[in-house]
Structure formats: structure tokens, C-alpha cells
N, C-alpha and C. Protein backbone atom coordinates (compact mmCIF):
# COMPACT_ATOMS: atom_id res chain seq x y z
N MET A 1 72.85 38.23 -12.76
CA MET A 1 73.66 39.00 -13.67
C MET A 1 74.97 38.27 -13.92
N SER A 2 75.66 38.68 -14.93
CA SER A 2 76.85 37.99 -15.39
C SER A 2 78.14 38.65 -14.94
N THR A 3 79.19 37.88 -15.02
CA THR A 3 80.54 38.41 -14.88
C THR A 3 81.11 38.51 -16.28
N TRP A 4 81.77 39.61 -16.57
CA TRP A 4 82.29 39.87 -17.90
C TRP A 4 83.81 39.93 -17.87
N LEU A 5 84.42 39.57 -18.97
CA LEU A 5 85.87 39.67 -19.12
C LEU A 5 86.17 40.57 -20.31
N ILE A 6 87.10 41.47 -20.11
CA ILE A 6 87.60 42.30 -21.21
C ILE A 6 88.92 41.66 -21.63
N ILE A 7 88.98 41.23 -22.89
CA ILE A 7 90.17 40.54 -23.37
C ILE A 7 90.81 41.30 -24.53
N ALA A 8 92.10 41.09 -24.69
CA ALA A 8 92.84 41.65 -25.82
C ALA A 8 93.39 40.49 -26.64
N GLU A 9 93.14 40.53 -27.91
CA GLU A 9 93.66 39.55 -28.85
C GLU A 9 94.66 40.29 -29.74
N GLU A 10 95.93 40.01 -29.52
CA GLU A 10 96.99 40.80 -30.15
C GLU A 10 97.77 39.96 -31.15
N THR A 11 98.03 40.55 -32.30
CA THR A 11 98.87 39.94 -33.31
C THR A 11 100.00 40.91 -33.61
N ALA A 12 101.22 40.49 -33.38
CA ALA A 12 102.38 41.33 -33.62
C ALA A 12 102.96 41.01 -34.99
N ALA A 13 103.63 41.98 -35.56
CA ALA A 13 104.28 41.75 -36.85
C ALA A 13 105.60 41.02 -36.61
N ALA A 14 105.83 39.96 -37.34
CA ALA A 14 107.09 39.24 -37.25
C ALA A 14 108.17 40.01 -38.00
N THR A 15 109.42 39.68 -37.75
CA THR A 15 110.52 40.41 -38.36
C THR A 15 110.55 40.27 -39.87
N ASP A 16 110.04 39.17 -40.40
CA ASP A 16 110.04 38.98 -41.85
C ASP A 16 108.78 39.52 -42.52
N GLY A 17 107.92 40.21 -41.75
CA GLY A 17 106.70 40.81 -42.29
C GLY A 17 105.48 39.93 -42.19
N ALA A 18 105.66 38.65 -41.89
CA ALA A 18 104.52 37.76 -41.73
C ALA A 18 103.90 37.95 -40.35
N ALA A 19 102.63 37.65 -40.25
CA ALA A 19 101.95 37.79 -38.96
C ALA A 19 102.40 36.69 -38.01
N SER A 20 102.61 37.05 -36.78
CA SER A 20 103.00 36.06 -35.77
C SER A 20 101.74 35.49 -35.13
N PRO A 21 101.87 34.42 -34.38
CA PRO A 21 100.69 33.87 -33.70
C PRO A 21 100.06 34.91 -32.78
N ARG A 22 98.77 34.80 -32.61
CA ARG A 22 98.07 35.76 -31.75
C ARG A 22 98.26 35.40 -30.29
N GLN A 23 98.19 36.43 -29.47
CA GLN A 23 98.25 36.26 -28.02
C GLN A 23 96.95 36.83 -27.46
N ILE A 24 96.35 36.08 -26.54
CA ILE A 24 95.11 36.53 -25.92
C ILE A 24 95.33 36.64 -24.43
N LYS A 25 94.94 37.78 -23.86
CA LYS A 25 95.06 37.94 -22.41
C LYS A 25 93.86 38.69 -21.86
N VAL A 26 93.55 38.37 -20.62
CA VAL A 26 92.45 39.04 -19.92
C VAL A 26 92.99 40.36 -19.38
N LEU A 27 92.36 41.47 -19.76
CA LEU A 27 92.78 42.78 -19.28
C LEU A 27 92.09 43.15 -17.98
N ARG A 28 90.82 42.77 -17.87
CA ARG A 28 90.05 43.11 -16.67
C ARG A 28 88.81 42.25 -16.57
N ALA A 29 88.48 41.89 -15.36
CA ALA A 29 87.20 41.24 -15.08
C ALA A 29 86.24 42.32 -14.58
N VAL A 30 85.04 42.31 -15.11
CA VAL A 30 84.03 43.27 -14.69
C VAL A 30 83.06 42.51 -13.79
N ASN A 31 83.22 42.69 -12.49
CA ASN A 31 82.42 41.98 -11.49
C ASN A 31 81.35 42.89 -10.92
N GLY A 32 80.66 42.41 -9.95
CA GLY A 32 79.69 43.22 -9.23
C GLY A 32 78.31 43.24 -9.86
N ASN A 33 77.96 42.14 -10.52
CA ASN A 33 76.62 42.03 -11.11
C ASN A 33 76.30 43.20 -12.05
N LYS A 34 77.22 43.49 -12.95
CA LYS A 34 77.02 44.55 -13.94
C LYS A 34 76.23 44.01 -15.13
N THR A 35 75.41 44.85 -15.69
CA THR A 35 74.69 44.48 -16.91
C THR A 35 75.67 44.55 -18.08
N ARG A 36 75.26 44.02 -19.21
CA ARG A 36 76.10 44.09 -20.41
C ARG A 36 76.39 45.54 -20.78
N GLU A 37 75.40 46.39 -20.69
CA GLU A 37 75.58 47.79 -21.03
C GLU A 37 76.61 48.48 -20.12
N GLU A 38 76.58 48.14 -18.83
CA GLU A 38 77.56 48.69 -17.90
C GLU A 38 78.96 48.15 -18.20
N ALA A 39 79.03 46.89 -18.58
CA ALA A 39 80.31 46.29 -18.93
C ALA A 39 80.86 46.91 -20.22
N LEU A 40 79.99 47.28 -21.15
CA LEU A 40 80.43 47.92 -22.39
C LEU A 40 81.04 49.29 -22.12
N VAL A 41 80.56 49.97 -21.10
CA VAL A 41 81.15 51.25 -20.70
C VAL A 41 82.58 51.02 -20.22
N GLU A 42 82.80 49.97 -19.44
CA GLU A 42 84.13 49.61 -18.97
C GLU A 42 85.04 49.22 -20.14
N LEU A 43 84.47 48.50 -21.10
CA LEU A 43 85.23 48.11 -22.29
C LEU A 43 85.75 49.34 -23.01
N ARG A 44 84.92 50.32 -23.18
CA ARG A 44 85.32 51.56 -23.87
C ARG A 44 86.47 52.25 -23.13
N LYS A 45 86.38 52.32 -21.81
CA LYS A 45 87.43 52.95 -21.01
C LYS A 45 88.77 52.22 -21.19
N VAL A 46 88.71 50.91 -21.13
CA VAL A 46 89.93 50.11 -21.27
C VAL A 46 90.52 50.28 -22.67
N ALA A 47 89.67 50.23 -23.69
CA ALA A 47 90.15 50.32 -25.07
C ALA A 47 90.82 51.66 -25.34
N LYS A 48 90.30 52.73 -24.77
CA LYS A 48 90.88 54.05 -24.99
C LYS A 48 92.27 54.19 -24.40
N SER A 49 92.54 53.49 -23.31
CA SER A 49 93.82 53.68 -22.63
C SER A 49 94.82 52.54 -22.81
N TYR A 50 94.39 51.44 -23.43
CA TYR A 50 95.27 50.26 -23.55
C TYR A 50 96.34 50.48 -24.61
N LYS A 51 97.58 50.14 -24.25
CA LYS A 51 98.71 50.23 -25.17
C LYS A 51 99.31 48.84 -25.35
N PRO A 52 98.99 48.19 -26.46
CA PRO A 52 99.52 46.85 -26.70
C PRO A 52 101.05 46.86 -26.80
N ASP A 53 101.67 45.77 -26.37
CA ASP A 53 103.13 45.65 -26.43
C ASP A 53 103.63 45.77 -27.87
N SER A 54 102.87 45.30 -28.83
CA SER A 54 103.31 45.30 -30.22
C SER A 54 103.17 46.66 -30.91
N LEU A 55 102.48 47.60 -30.27
CA LEU A 55 102.27 48.91 -30.87
C LEU A 55 102.84 50.00 -29.97
N LYS A 56 104.13 50.16 -29.99
CA LYS A 56 104.78 51.18 -29.17
C LYS A 56 104.72 52.56 -29.83
N THR A 57 104.41 52.59 -31.13
CA THR A 57 104.32 53.86 -31.84
C THR A 57 102.94 54.47 -31.62
N SER A 58 102.66 55.55 -32.30
CA SER A 58 101.35 56.17 -32.16
C SER A 58 100.28 55.19 -32.66
N ARG A 59 99.13 55.24 -32.05
CA ARG A 59 98.08 54.28 -32.35
C ARG A 59 96.75 54.99 -32.51
N VAL A 60 95.84 54.30 -33.14
CA VAL A 60 94.48 54.80 -33.31
C VAL A 60 93.54 53.70 -32.83
N VAL A 61 92.45 54.10 -32.17
CA VAL A 61 91.47 53.15 -31.64
C VAL A 61 90.15 53.40 -32.35
N GLY A 62 89.54 52.31 -32.82
CA GLY A 62 88.25 52.42 -33.49
C GLY A 62 87.32 51.30 -33.04
N ARG A 63 86.02 51.58 -33.10
CA ARG A 63 85.02 50.59 -32.72
C ARG A 63 84.53 49.85 -33.96
N ASP A 64 84.45 48.54 -33.85
CA ASP A 64 83.96 47.69 -34.94
C ASP A 64 82.45 47.57 -34.83
N SER A 65 81.82 47.07 -35.87
CA SER A 65 80.36 46.95 -35.89
C SER A 65 79.82 45.98 -34.85
N ASP A 66 80.66 45.04 -34.36
CA ASP A 66 80.21 44.10 -33.34
C ASP A 66 80.41 44.63 -31.91
N GLY A 67 80.89 45.88 -31.78
CA GLY A 67 81.07 46.48 -30.47
C GLY A 67 82.48 46.34 -29.92
N SER A 68 83.32 45.55 -30.57
CA SER A 68 84.70 45.42 -30.12
C SER A 68 85.51 46.62 -30.61
N PHE A 69 86.72 46.75 -30.10
CA PHE A 69 87.59 47.86 -30.48
C PHE A 69 88.85 47.33 -31.13
N TRP A 70 89.35 48.05 -32.12
CA TRP A 70 90.62 47.74 -32.77
C TRP A 70 91.63 48.81 -32.39
N VAL A 71 92.82 48.37 -32.02
CA VAL A 71 93.93 49.27 -31.77
C VAL A 71 94.93 49.00 -32.89
N LEU A 72 95.20 50.01 -33.70
CA LEU A 72 96.04 49.87 -34.88
C LEU A 72 97.12 50.94 -34.90
N SER A 73 98.13 50.72 -35.70
CA SER A 73 99.18 51.71 -35.88
C SER A 73 98.60 52.92 -36.61
N ASN A 74 98.89 54.09 -36.12
CA ASN A 74 98.40 55.31 -36.75
C ASN A 74 99.09 55.56 -38.08
N SER A 75 100.31 55.08 -38.23
CA SER A 75 101.07 55.32 -39.45
C SER A 75 100.68 54.38 -40.59
N GLY A 76 100.08 53.24 -40.24
CA GLY A 76 99.73 52.26 -41.25
C GLY A 76 100.90 51.43 -41.73
N LYS A 77 102.06 51.62 -41.13
CA LYS A 77 103.26 50.90 -41.55
C LYS A 77 103.48 49.60 -40.78
N SER A 78 102.76 49.40 -39.72
CA SER A 78 102.93 48.21 -38.90
C SER A 78 101.85 47.18 -39.22
N HIS A 79 102.22 45.91 -39.18
CA HIS A 79 101.26 44.83 -39.39
C HIS A 79 100.67 44.34 -38.07
N ALA A 80 101.05 44.98 -36.99
CA ALA A 80 100.55 44.59 -35.67
C ALA A 80 99.13 45.12 -35.49
N SER A 81 98.33 44.38 -34.73
CA SER A 81 96.98 44.83 -34.42
C SER A 81 96.54 44.23 -33.10
N CYS A 82 95.52 44.83 -32.52
CA CYS A 82 94.97 44.34 -31.27
C CYS A 82 93.47 44.55 -31.29
N ASN A 83 92.73 43.50 -30.99
CA ASN A 83 91.28 43.58 -30.91
C ASN A 83 90.88 43.40 -29.45
N ILE A 84 90.14 44.38 -28.92
CA ILE A 84 89.71 44.34 -27.52
C ILE A 84 88.21 44.13 -27.51
N ARG A 85 87.80 43.09 -26.78
CA ARG A 85 86.38 42.74 -26.79
C ARG A 85 85.89 42.32 -25.42
N LEU A 86 84.59 42.27 -25.31
CA LEU A 86 83.91 41.86 -24.09
C LEU A 86 83.35 40.46 -24.28
N ILE A 87 83.62 39.58 -23.33
CA ILE A 87 83.03 38.24 -23.38
C ILE A 87 82.39 37.94 -22.03
N GLU A 88 81.38 37.10 -22.06
CA GLU A 88 80.72 36.68 -20.82
C GLU A 88 81.46 35.50 -20.23
N ARG A 89 81.75 35.59 -18.94
CA ARG A 89 82.43 34.47 -18.27
C ARG A 89 81.39 33.40 -17.94
N ILE A 90 81.68 32.18 -18.33
CA ILE A 90 80.79 31.05 -18.08
C ILE A 90 81.46 30.15 -17.04
N TYR A 91 80.79 29.92 -15.97
CA TYR A 91 81.31 29.08 -14.91
C TYR A 91 80.95 27.62 -15.18
N PRO A 92 81.86 26.68 -14.82
CA PRO A 92 81.55 25.25 -15.02
C PRO A 92 80.41 24.79 -14.13
């Protein structure tokens, strides 16, 4: 079985309104020989509770067609966004 990583890919709004470079960080490793389906359950839990640094205001979380989650501003006034996804860890 695989080890899975839950990652956040965050893009914050720059002060001039342009998008800033994205930041990617590992939120959690899903160990213990979990199947992909079990890791997806963990992904959902993390996505529901994660508060990106760039979105301090109210936020909305939605699932994309590829199974990843988007965390967006609820007001629609912010250009910041965060995509939370599951990736398989590959060992060298």
C-alpha cells in the first residue's frame, strides 16, 4: 500500500491585484498502509477544517471534478485561492 500526502497549493492576492506566486506545503502525511479511498476520507476532513493564511475572511470549500478541494473567499472579492489535493508519495 502507498503513503499519501495531503498538500495545499495556495495563491494569495498581491496588493496590486495581480496573483502572487503560489506556495505549496504538505498539510499531512497519511501513513499506515491506507488505501486511496481511506486517504480520500482524510483529505475531506483536512479540507473542511483548513484555513489558508491568505483567506482570513469567510471561506467556502468545494470539491472539484478531480477529487481535489478548493478553498475560496465566500465574498468573491478576494483573488486568493487554495487547492487541497491528495498525492501519492514516491520513494527514491
